[in-house]
Protein backbone atom coordinates (compact mmCIF):
# COMPACT_ATOMS: atom_id res chain seq x y z
CA MET A 1 -32.29 -38.62 -14.61
CA ALA A 2 -31.67 -42.34 -14.47
CA ASP A 3 -31.15 -42.33 -18.24
CA LYS A 4 -28.54 -39.63 -17.86
CA LYS A 5 -26.62 -41.57 -15.19
CA GLY A 6 -26.89 -44.71 -17.23
CA LEU A 7 -25.58 -42.94 -20.32
CA LEU A 8 -22.68 -41.42 -18.35
CA SER A 9 -21.70 -44.77 -16.90
CA PHE A 10 -22.11 -46.40 -20.31
CA LEU A 11 -19.73 -43.88 -21.85
CA LYS A 12 -17.49 -44.10 -18.73
CA LEU A 13 -17.69 -40.37 -18.23
CA ASN A 14 -18.46 -40.59 -14.50
CA GLY A 15 -14.79 -41.01 -13.64
CA ILE A 16 -13.72 -38.26 -16.01
CA ILE A 17 -16.25 -35.82 -14.59
CA ASP A 18 -15.22 -36.70 -11.03
CA ASN A 19 -11.56 -36.20 -11.93
CA LEU A 20 -12.33 -32.86 -13.57
CA LEU A 21 -14.24 -31.72 -10.47
CA LYS A 22 -11.35 -32.77 -8.22
CA LEU A 23 -8.91 -30.93 -10.48
CA LEU A 24 -11.06 -27.82 -10.36
CA GLU A 25 -11.27 -28.00 -6.55
CA ALA A 26 -7.48 -28.41 -6.33
CA LYS A 27 -6.91 -25.39 -8.58
CA ILE A 28 -9.27 -23.32 -6.44
CA GLU A 29 -7.36 -24.34 -3.30
CA ILE A 30 -4.04 -23.45 -4.94
CA ALA A 31 -5.45 -20.05 -5.94
CA LYS A 32 -6.62 -19.46 -2.35
CA ILE A 33 -3.16 -20.30 -1.00
CA GLU A 34 -1.49 -17.99 -3.54
CA ILE A 35 -3.88 -15.16 -2.65
CA LYS A 36 -3.14 -15.64 1.05
CA LYS A 37 0.60 -15.50 0.35
CA ASP A 38 0.19 -12.36 -1.75
CA ILE A 39 -1.86 -10.70 0.98
CA ALA A 40 0.73 -11.64 3.61
CA ARG A 41 3.55 -10.27 1.44
CA PHE A 42 1.62 -7.04 0.84
CA LEU A 43 0.82 -6.59 4.52
CA ALA A 44 4.45 -7.20 5.46
CA LYS A 45 5.55 -4.50 3.01
CA VAL A 46 2.91 -2.11 4.35
CA MET A 47 3.99 -2.74 7.93
CA VAL A 48 7.68 -2.18 7.14
CA PHE A 49 6.78 1.00 5.26
CA ALA A 50 4.63 2.20 8.19
CA ILE A 51 7.46 1.56 10.67
CA LEU A 52 9.96 3.39 8.47
CA MET A 53 7.56 6.30 8.01
CA ALA A 54 6.94 6.51 11.77
CA LEU A 55 10.68 6.55 12.49
CA GLY A 56 11.24 9.13 9.77
CA LEU A 57 8.43 11.25 11.17
CA LEU A 58 9.92 11.11 14.66
CA PHE A 59 13.33 12.10 13.30
CA PHE A 60 11.81 14.98 11.35
CA LEU A 61 9.77 16.10 14.35
CA PHE A 62 12.73 16.18 16.74
CA LEU A 63 14.91 17.83 14.10
CA ASN A 64 12.35 20.62 13.75
CA ILE A 65 12.02 21.02 17.51
CA GLY A 66 15.81 21.25 17.82
CA LEU A 67 15.96 23.77 14.97
CA ALA A 68 13.21 25.82 16.62
CA PHE A 69 15.13 25.88 19.91
CA LEU A 70 18.32 26.83 18.06
CA LEU A 71 16.57 29.73 16.30
CA SER A 72 14.98 30.78 19.58
CA ASP A 73 18.40 30.80 21.22
CA TRP A 74 19.89 32.93 18.43
CA ILE A 75 16.99 35.41 18.48
CA GLY A 76 16.69 35.50 22.25
CA GLN A 77 12.97 34.77 22.60
CA LEU A 78 11.74 31.24 23.24
CA TYR A 79 8.63 31.40 21.05
CA SER A 80 10.27 33.06 18.02
CA GLY A 81 12.00 29.96 16.68
CA PHE A 82 8.79 27.96 16.84
CA LEU A 83 6.90 30.74 15.05
CA ILE A 84 9.52 30.87 12.32
CA ILE A 85 9.39 27.09 11.79
CA SER A 86 5.58 27.13 11.85
CA GLY A 87 5.49 30.03 9.40
CA PHE A 88 7.82 28.16 7.07
CA TYR A 89 5.54 25.11 7.03
CA VAL A 90 2.43 27.24 6.52
CA ALA A 91 4.14 28.87 3.53
CA VAL A 92 5.15 25.45 2.14
CA PHE A 93 1.56 24.25 2.64
CA PHE A 94 0.07 27.15 0.68
CA VAL A 95 2.65 26.90 -2.11
CA PHE A 96 1.93 23.20 -2.41
CA LEU A 97 -1.81 23.88 -2.38
CA LEU A 98 -1.46 26.39 -5.20
CA VAL A 99 0.82 24.35 -7.48
CA LYS A 100 -0.43 20.80 -6.87
CA ASP A 101 -2.63 20.82 -9.97
CA HIS A 102 0.11 22.22 -12.19
CA LEU A 103 2.69 19.70 -11.06
CA GLY A 104 0.48 16.68 -11.69
CA ILE A 105 1.34 15.12 -8.35
CA GLU A 106 -1.81 13.01 -8.17
CA ASP A 107 -1.17 11.54 -11.62
CA SER A 108 2.44 10.69 -10.85
CA ILE A 109 1.47 9.04 -7.55
CA GLU A 110 -1.24 7.04 -9.33
CA GLN A 111 1.23 5.91 -11.99
CA SER A 112 3.77 4.91 -9.34
CA LEU A 113 1.15 2.88 -7.49
CA ASN A 114 0.04 1.18 -10.70
CA LYS A 115 3.66 0.25 -11.50
CA ALA A 116 4.16 -1.12 -7.99
CA LEU A 117 0.99 -3.20 -8.27
CA GLU A 118 2.03 -4.54 -11.67
CA LYS A 119 5.43 -5.55 -10.26
CA SER A 120 3.83 -7.49 -7.45
CA GLU A 121 1.76 -9.51 -9.92
């Protein structure tokens, strides 16, 4: 081991090796900082998306409740509008369930997510 240290100091490689190690440590720190920034950016986008989705869901919910009351008022029975709206969504659910494989929805969502991830890189 002493021969190795003596050879390194003879060839003046100690300083070069130390500098290379410091450079490597600095690059690792830079990579950590960049990863933290990317994670923060991603989480910010997710939070904004979640807030927008929640607001959109509330709008859609109250719109459907209002439509159900409007239909109930036209028909004359309070429960009828809600049954019509519920029946509509059950029908949409089953149609979607039957055609989801033929439309390739999963593949298109996966491709969209892959494109979004590639953009963020």
